[in-house]
Amino acid sequence: MKHSRTFIACLIGALGLTSSQLAFAQTPAYKIAFGQFWPVSFPKGEAKAGPTATTTGLAVNIRMQPMWVWYTEGGLLTPNTVFTPSPRVVFGPAYRLSDTVLLGLTGAYQFNPSHGNVDWSHTAGASLFLCVPISKEMSVTLAFGGGKNLREGGQWSLVAQPRAALTLPW
């Protein structure tokens, strides 16, 4: 049962990548993205730093108009303390502040599989990001946002997420 939920979450991510490309009928830029995920949660009203995690994903940037880009990513968030990959989908618009610098707002959905004594759950969130290219093939992004675990009594958290992305040649 656990594996079928993970498969469904990955399938939703793949459909999101495909449908966003078809919806805008533009030539997309495919990227492989790697990053760190630094959460701060608020159990009982007190700030508590959560375990860091590593994110990996396949991202697609599609230019919609001269100044707007649609960003979609399907990938995994893996805590650095225990190997329990969580499939996630990130999507949203970005505005070109210049020919290269993007400012964007994304929404995210993540499926958290069970491990140890922790049951499976879902997380939803949003973030604001700034993306700056280092070269034609590589860019760095810094995102800040928040999210909520959607199970009963789930916690809110704030997140900082630095990332690097490599543009694929195809």
Protein backbone atom coordinates (compact mmCIF):
# COMPACT_ATOMS: atom_id res chain seq x y z
CA MET A 1 0.00 0.00 0.00
CA LYS A 2 2.82 2.44 0.85
CA HIS A 3 4.47 1.87 -2.52
CA SER A 4 1.28 2.58 -4.47
CA ARG A 5 0.90 5.98 -2.76
CA THR A 6 4.49 6.87 -3.65
CA PHE A 7 3.87 5.76 -7.23
CA ILE A 8 0.74 7.93 -7.44
CA ALA A 9 2.64 10.99 -6.10
CA CYS A 10 5.42 10.42 -8.68
CA LEU A 11 2.81 10.00 -11.43
CA ILE A 12 1.18 13.32 -10.47
CA GLY A 13 4.63 14.97 -10.73
CA ALA A 14 5.26 13.47 -14.17
CA LEU A 15 1.82 14.56 -15.39
CA GLY A 16 2.48 18.07 -14.08
CA LEU A 17 5.75 18.27 -16.01
CA THR A 18 4.14 17.00 -19.20
CA SER A 19 0.94 19.04 -19.01
CA SER A 20 2.75 22.29 -18.29
CA GLN A 21 4.82 21.80 -21.45
CA LEU A 22 1.73 21.08 -23.56
CA ALA A 23 -0.33 23.91 -22.05
CA PHE A 24 2.09 26.64 -23.07
CA ALA A 25 3.42 25.07 -26.32
CA GLN A 26 6.85 26.67 -25.87
CA THR A 27 10.29 25.12 -26.04
CA PRO A 28 11.09 24.24 -22.42
CA ALA A 29 14.45 24.33 -20.65
CA TYR A 30 15.02 21.12 -18.69
CA LYS A 31 17.13 21.29 -15.55
CA ILE A 32 18.42 18.96 -12.86
CA ALA A 33 18.12 20.73 -9.49
CA PHE A 34 19.93 19.96 -6.22
CA GLY A 35 19.52 21.78 -2.94
CA GLN A 36 19.31 21.85 0.83
CA PHE A 37 16.09 22.22 2.82
CA TRP A 38 16.35 23.94 6.22
CA PRO A 39 13.03 23.90 8.12
CA VAL A 40 12.05 25.63 11.35
CA SER A 41 8.81 24.25 12.86
CA PHE A 42 6.62 25.67 15.62
CA PRO A 43 5.41 22.90 17.97
CA LYS A 44 3.55 24.36 20.96
CA GLY A 45 4.32 27.89 19.75
CA GLU A 46 8.12 27.61 20.09
CA ALA A 47 10.53 27.71 17.15
CA LYS A 48 12.47 24.47 16.68
CA ALA A 49 15.00 23.80 13.90
CA GLY A 50 14.07 20.62 12.07
CA PRO A 51 16.40 18.15 10.41
CA THR A 52 17.94 19.37 7.16
CA ALA A 53 17.13 17.52 3.97
CA THR A 54 18.51 17.23 0.46
CA THR A 55 16.28 17.94 -2.53
CA THR A 56 16.76 16.60 -6.05
CA GLY A 57 14.48 17.02 -9.01
CA LEU A 58 13.88 17.41 -12.71
CA ALA A 59 12.64 20.93 -13.44
CA VAL A 60 11.12 22.49 -16.53
CA ASN A 61 11.15 26.24 -17.26
CA ILE A 62 8.73 27.33 -19.98
CA ARG A 63 8.68 30.91 -21.25
CA MET A 64 5.04 32.01 -21.45
CA GLN A 65 5.54 35.64 -22.51
CA PRO A 66 8.65 37.79 -22.86
CA MET A 67 8.84 38.48 -19.11
CA TRP A 68 7.06 35.44 -17.60
CA VAL A 69 8.22 31.85 -17.05
CA TRP A 70 6.29 28.83 -15.74
CA TYR A 71 8.34 26.62 -13.40
CA THR A 72 7.46 22.98 -12.70
CA GLU A 73 9.54 20.42 -10.83
CA GLY A 74 9.06 16.81 -9.81
CA GLY A 75 11.54 15.26 -7.42
CA LEU A 76 12.44 13.95 -3.99
CA LEU A 77 13.14 15.47 -0.58
CA THR A 78 15.31 13.15 1.52
CA PRO A 79 16.04 13.94 5.18
CA ASN A 80 19.76 13.87 5.97
CA THR A 81 19.13 11.90 9.19
CA VAL A 82 17.14 8.91 7.85
CA PHE A 83 16.76 7.68 4.26
CA THR A 84 13.03 8.18 3.62
CA PRO A 85 12.63 9.94 0.24
CA SER A 86 9.43 11.98 -0.07
CA PRO A 87 8.10 12.61 -3.60
CA ARG A 88 7.24 16.27 -4.23
CA VAL A 89 5.90 18.54 -6.93
CA VAL A 90 6.72 22.27 -7.11
CA PHE A 91 5.08 24.65 -9.60
CA GLY A 92 4.44 28.34 -10.19
CA PRO A 93 5.09 31.49 -12.20
CA ALA A 94 8.29 33.55 -12.24
CA TYR A 95 8.86 37.08 -13.51
CA ARG A 96 12.06 38.14 -15.28
CA LEU A 97 13.55 41.10 -13.42
CA SER A 98 16.19 41.27 -16.18
CA ASP A 99 17.25 39.04 -19.08
CA THR A 100 18.54 36.48 -16.59
CA VAL A 101 17.27 37.10 -13.04
CA LEU A 102 13.93 35.51 -12.08
CA LEU A 103 11.67 36.27 -9.10
CA GLY A 104 8.98 33.66 -8.56
CA LEU A 105 6.24 32.32 -6.35
CA THR A 106 5.75 28.55 -6.13
CA GLY A 107 3.30 26.14 -4.59
CA ALA A 108 4.39 22.68 -3.45
CA TYR A 109 2.83 19.33 -2.59
CA GLN A 110 4.78 16.56 -0.88
CA PHE A 111 3.88 12.99 0.10
CA ASN A 112 5.65 11.86 3.29
CA PRO A 113 5.90 8.04 3.44
CA SER A 114 5.76 6.20 6.78
CA HIS A 115 8.97 5.28 8.54
CA GLY A 116 9.63 3.97 12.04
CA ASN A 117 6.76 5.13 14.27
CA VAL A 118 5.71 7.94 11.91
CA ASP A 119 2.61 7.47 9.73
CA TRP A 120 2.41 8.75 6.16
CA SER A 121 1.16 12.28 5.61
CA HIS A 122 0.88 15.09 3.07
CA THR A 123 2.48 18.53 3.17
CA ALA A 124 1.51 21.66 1.21
CA GLY A 125 3.44 24.89 1.05
CA ALA A 126 4.44 28.00 -0.86
CA SER A 127 7.66 29.95 -1.31
CA LEU A 128 9.14 33.05 -2.88
CA PHE A 129 12.38 32.51 -4.81
CA LEU A 130 15.13 34.44 -6.57
CA CYS A 131 17.06 32.65 -9.34
CA VAL A 132 20.34 33.97 -10.77
CA PRO A 133 22.38 32.27 -13.49
CA ILE A 134 26.09 31.66 -12.94
CA SER A 135 26.67 30.54 -16.51
CA LYS A 136 24.60 29.43 -19.50
CA GLU A 137 24.37 25.92 -18.02
CA MET A 138 24.07 26.62 -14.28
CA SER A 139 21.96 28.77 -11.96
CA VAL A 140 21.56 29.25 -8.21
CA THR A 141 18.30 29.86 -6.40
CA LEU A 142 17.38 30.96 -2.91
CA ALA A 143 13.82 30.30 -1.74
CA PHE A 144 12.00 31.21 1.48
CA GLY A 145 8.56 29.93 2.32
CA GLY A 146 6.24 28.08 4.61
CA GLY A 147 4.32 24.85 4.71
CA LYS A 148 1.92 22.79 6.76
CA ASN A 149 1.71 19.10 7.37
CA LEU A 150 -1.89 18.29 6.48
CA ARG A 151 -2.49 15.52 9.01
CA GLU A 152 -4.58 16.32 12.07
CA GLY A 153 -2.46 18.40 14.43
CA GLY A 154 0.18 18.86 11.71
CA GLN A 155 2.74 21.59 12.28
CA TRP A 156 3.48 24.76 10.39
CA SER A 157 7.06 25.36 9.36
CA LEU A 158 9.20 28.02 7.71
CA VAL A 159 11.83 26.94 5.19
CA ALA A 160 15.00 28.34 3.64
CA GLN A 161 16.14 26.48 0.54
CA PRO A 162 19.36 27.24 -1.39
CA ARG A 163 19.66 25.29 -4.67
CA ALA A 164 21.75 24.86 -7.78
CA ALA A 165 20.43 23.73 -11.17
CA LEU A 166 22.18 22.41 -14.26
CA THR A 167 20.48 22.93 -17.64
CA LEU A 168 20.32 19.75 -19.69
CA PRO A 169 21.48 19.96 -23.32
CA TRP A 170 18.19 18.70 -24.81
